[in-house]
């Protein structure tokens, strides 16, 4: 499986996992300019923006660790556009779903409220 195929597989698994946890998926791969957010869902009165990181191994660290502050700012900008465009008046939460998948196992780690926008 190539890295691109693994990423697509991971996002598909993330949607299934989130749905099983009670999320209602609203959008996938929502783009604004050159950036995108992987999954937009609703749960418990929140719009949940989920960044999915999938790797074959955690040898160099857990996948969620690659969501740097710079990446967070990009996600926040796209999420802001999504909220303004949809004229939504709800709270927003930013989650990360970290997946390690290989021939031996699949490990999913959900980090709710993984980061927040800074003023």
C-alpha atoms as a PDB file:
ATOM      1  CA  UNK A   1       0.000   0.000   0.000  1.00  0.00           C
ATOM      2  CA  UNK A   2       1.444   3.394  -1.000  1.00  0.00           C
ATOM      3  CA  UNK A   3       1.391   6.325   1.418  1.00  0.00           C
ATOM      4  CA  UNK A   4      -1.425   7.921  -0.594  1.00  0.00           C
ATOM      5  CA  UNK A   5      -3.470   4.706  -0.486  1.00  0.00           C
ATOM      6  CA  UNK A   6      -2.779   4.401   3.241  1.00  0.00           C
ATOM      7  CA  UNK A   7      -4.005   7.970   3.779  1.00  0.00           C
ATOM      8  CA  UNK A   8      -7.248   7.299   1.899  1.00  0.00           C
ATOM      9  CA  UNK A   9      -7.707   4.014   3.765  1.00  0.00           C
ATOM     10  CA  UNK A  10      -7.103   5.808   7.069  1.00  0.00           C
ATOM     11  CA  UNK A  11      -9.683   8.507   6.325  1.00  0.00           C
ATOM     12  CA  UNK A  12     -12.237   5.844   5.385  1.00  0.00           C
ATOM     13  CA  UNK A  13     -11.558   3.982   8.626  1.00  0.00           C
ATOM     14  CA  UNK A  14     -11.753   7.240  10.567  1.00  0.00           C
ATOM     15  CA  UNK A  15     -15.218   7.961   9.149  1.00  0.00           C
ATOM     16  CA  UNK A  16     -16.435   4.509  10.153  1.00  0.00           C
ATOM     17  CA  UNK A  17     -14.892   4.834  13.614  1.00  0.00           C
ATOM     18  CA  UNK A  18     -16.327   8.334  14.171  1.00  0.00           C
ATOM     19  CA  UNK A  19     -19.775   7.201  12.974  1.00  0.00           C
ATOM     20  CA  UNK A  20     -19.625   4.277  15.403  1.00  0.00           C
ATOM     21  CA  UNK A  21     -18.883   6.823  18.157  1.00  0.00           C
ATOM     22  CA  UNK A  22     -22.016   8.811  17.302  1.00  0.00           C
ATOM     23  CA  UNK A  23     -20.620  11.433  14.924  1.00  0.00           C
ATOM     24  CA  UNK A  24     -22.727  12.511  11.952  1.00  0.00           C
ATOM     25  CA  UNK A  25     -20.284  13.025   9.070  1.00  0.00           C
ATOM     26  CA  UNK A  26     -21.044  16.242   7.178  1.00  0.00           C
ATOM     27  CA  UNK A  27     -18.037  16.662   4.880  1.00  0.00           C
ATOM     28  CA  UNK A  28     -14.809  15.015   3.836  1.00  0.00           C
ATOM     29  CA  UNK A  29     -11.737  16.659   2.348  1.00  0.00           C
ATOM     30  CA  UNK A  30     -13.243  20.145   2.542  1.00  0.00           C
ATOM     31  CA  UNK A  31     -10.918  22.475   0.656  1.00  0.00           C
ATOM     32  CA  UNK A  32     -10.278  26.185   0.924  1.00  0.00           C
ATOM     33  CA  UNK A  33      -7.527  27.598  -1.242  1.00  0.00           C
ATOM     34  CA  UNK A  34      -4.601  25.138  -1.033  1.00  0.00           C
ATOM     35  CA  UNK A  35      -5.546  23.570   2.303  1.00  0.00           C
ATOM     36  CA  UNK A  36      -8.125  21.064   3.459  1.00  0.00           C
ATOM     37  CA  UNK A  37      -9.701  19.530   6.507  1.00  0.00           C
ATOM     38  CA  UNK A  38     -10.111  15.778   6.480  1.00  0.00           C
ATOM     39  CA  UNK A  39     -13.473  15.275   8.200  1.00  0.00           C
ATOM     40  CA  UNK A  40     -16.227  17.564   9.429  1.00  0.00           C
ATOM     41  CA  UNK A  41     -18.823  15.970  11.703  1.00  0.00           C
ATOM     42  CA  UNK A  42     -21.375  16.877  14.349  1.00  0.00           C
ATOM     43  CA  UNK A  43     -21.640  15.428  17.812  1.00  0.00           C
ATOM     44  CA  UNK A  44     -23.107  16.663  21.083  1.00  0.00           C
ATOM     45  CA  UNK A  45     -23.868  20.125  19.691  1.00  0.00           C
ATOM     46  CA  UNK A  46     -20.343  20.653  18.320  1.00  0.00           C
ATOM     47  CA  UNK A  47     -19.010  20.835  14.822  1.00  0.00           C
ATOM     48  CA  UNK A  48     -15.988  18.556  15.072  1.00  0.00           C
ATOM     49  CA  UNK A  49     -13.067  19.122  12.728  1.00  0.00           C
ATOM     50  CA  UNK A  50     -10.967  15.957  12.626  1.00  0.00           C
ATOM     51  CA  UNK A  51      -7.459  15.704  11.243  1.00  0.00           C
ATOM     52  CA  UNK A  52      -6.554  12.106  10.377  1.00  0.00           C
ATOM     53  CA  UNK A  53      -2.945  10.947  10.442  1.00  0.00           C
ATOM     54  CA  UNK A  54      -2.188   7.405   9.301  1.00  0.00           C
ATOM     55  CA  UNK A  55       1.173   5.661   9.302  1.00  0.00           C
ATOM     56  CA  UNK A  56       2.490   2.118   8.816  1.00  0.00           C
ATOM     57  CA  UNK A  57       4.544   2.421  12.004  1.00  0.00           C
ATOM     58  CA  UNK A  58       5.000   4.583  15.068  1.00  0.00           C
ATOM     59  CA  UNK A  59       8.781   4.072  14.925  1.00  0.00           C
ATOM     60  CA  UNK A  60       9.435   7.813  14.430  1.00  0.00           C
ATOM     61  CA  UNK A  61       6.613   8.775  16.793  1.00  0.00           C
ATOM     62  CA  UNK A  62       2.865   8.621  17.027  1.00  0.00           C
ATOM     63  CA  UNK A  63       1.158   9.982  13.875  1.00  0.00           C
ATOM     64  CA  UNK A  64      -0.628  12.734  15.824  1.00  0.00           C
ATOM     65  CA  UNK A  65       2.720  14.317  16.627  1.00  0.00           C
ATOM     66  CA  UNK A  66       2.998  15.462  12.996  1.00  0.00           C
ATOM     67  CA  UNK A  67       0.127  17.933  13.479  1.00  0.00           C
ATOM     68  CA  UNK A  68       2.411  20.889  14.086  1.00  0.00           C
ATOM     69  CA  UNK A  69       1.299  24.366  15.137  1.00  0.00           C
ATOM     70  CA  UNK A  70       1.687  25.428  11.494  1.00  0.00           C
ATOM     71  CA  UNK A  71      -0.615  22.585  10.370  1.00  0.00           C
ATOM     72  CA  UNK A  72      -3.069  23.537  13.118  1.00  0.00           C
ATOM     73  CA  UNK A  73      -3.203  27.130  11.818  1.00  0.00           C
ATOM     74  CA  UNK A  74      -3.973  25.827   8.316  1.00  0.00           C
ATOM     75  CA  UNK A  75      -6.764  23.598   9.642  1.00  0.00           C
ATOM     76  CA  UNK A  76      -8.203  26.487  11.678  1.00  0.00           C
ATOM     77  CA  UNK A  77      -8.265  28.775   8.605  1.00  0.00           C
ATOM     78  CA  UNK A  78     -10.132  26.188   6.533  1.00  0.00           C
ATOM     79  CA  UNK A  79     -12.513  25.448   9.410  1.00  0.00           C
ATOM     80  CA  UNK A  80     -13.216  29.161   9.786  1.00  0.00           C
ATOM     81  CA  UNK A  81     -14.118  29.360   6.104  1.00  0.00           C
ATOM     82  CA  UNK A  82     -16.411  26.324   6.470  1.00  0.00           C
ATOM     83  CA  UNK A  83     -18.179  27.901   9.473  1.00  0.00           C
ATOM     84  CA  UNK A  84     -18.574  31.338   7.840  1.00  0.00           C
ATOM     85  CA  UNK A  85     -19.687  29.880   4.491  1.00  0.00           C
ATOM     86  CA  UNK A  86     -22.300  27.706   6.226  1.00  0.00           C
ATOM     87  CA  UNK A  87     -23.332  30.542   8.569  1.00  0.00           C
ATOM     88  CA  UNK A  88     -23.153  28.104  11.500  1.00  0.00           C
ATOM     89  CA  UNK A  89     -23.586  29.348  15.053  1.00  0.00           C
ATOM     90  CA  UNK A  90     -22.219  26.412  17.055  1.00  0.00           C
ATOM     91  CA  UNK A  91     -19.110  25.578  18.997  1.00  0.00           C
ATOM     92  CA  UNK A  92     -16.219  24.018  17.098  1.00  0.00           C
ATOM     93  CA  UNK A  93     -13.856  21.367  18.394  1.00  0.00           C
ATOM     94  CA  UNK A  94     -10.596  20.246  16.778  1.00  0.00           C
ATOM     95  CA  UNK A  95      -9.787  16.537  17.137  1.00  0.00           C
ATOM     96  CA  UNK A  96      -7.022  14.306  15.817  1.00  0.00           C
ATOM     97  CA  UNK A  97      -7.465  10.662  14.893  1.00  0.00           C
ATOM     98  CA  UNK A  98      -4.097   8.921  14.865  1.00  0.00           C
ATOM     99  CA  UNK A  99      -3.936   5.546  13.103  1.00  0.00           C
ATOM    100  CA  UNK A 100      -1.078   3.049  12.905  1.00  0.00           C
ATOM    101  CA  UNK A 101      -1.902   0.270  10.439  1.00  0.00           C
ATOM    102  CA  UNK A 102       0.292  -2.545   9.208  1.00  0.00           C
ATOM    103  CA  UNK A 103       0.093  -6.272   8.510  1.00  0.00           C
ATOM    104  CA  UNK A 104       0.117  -7.034  12.237  1.00  0.00           C
ATOM    105  CA  UNK A 105      -2.463  -4.661  13.683  1.00  0.00           C
ATOM    106  CA  UNK A 106      -4.453  -1.457  13.468  1.00  0.00           C
ATOM    107  CA  UNK A 107      -4.295   0.987  16.357  1.00  0.00           C
ATOM    108  CA  UNK A 108      -6.633   3.998  16.467  1.00  0.00           C
ATOM    109  CA  UNK A 109      -6.094   6.789  18.983  1.00  0.00           C
ATOM    110  CA  UNK A 110      -8.673   9.585  19.217  1.00  0.00           C
ATOM    111  CA  UNK A 111      -7.583  12.878  20.727  1.00  0.00           C
ATOM    112  CA  UNK A 112     -10.637  15.079  21.333  1.00  0.00           C
ATOM    113  CA  UNK A 113     -10.003  18.823  21.654  1.00  0.00           C
ATOM    114  CA  UNK A 114      -6.423  18.218  20.506  1.00  0.00           C
ATOM    115  CA  UNK A 115      -5.831  21.922  19.897  1.00  0.00           C
ATOM    116  CA  UNK A 116      -7.605  25.245  20.070  1.00  0.00           C
ATOM    117  CA  UNK A 117      -7.360  28.436  18.032  1.00  0.00           C
ATOM    118  CA  UNK A 118      -5.207  31.086  19.660  1.00  0.00           C
ATOM    119  CA  UNK A 119      -6.186  34.743  19.437  1.00  0.00           C
END
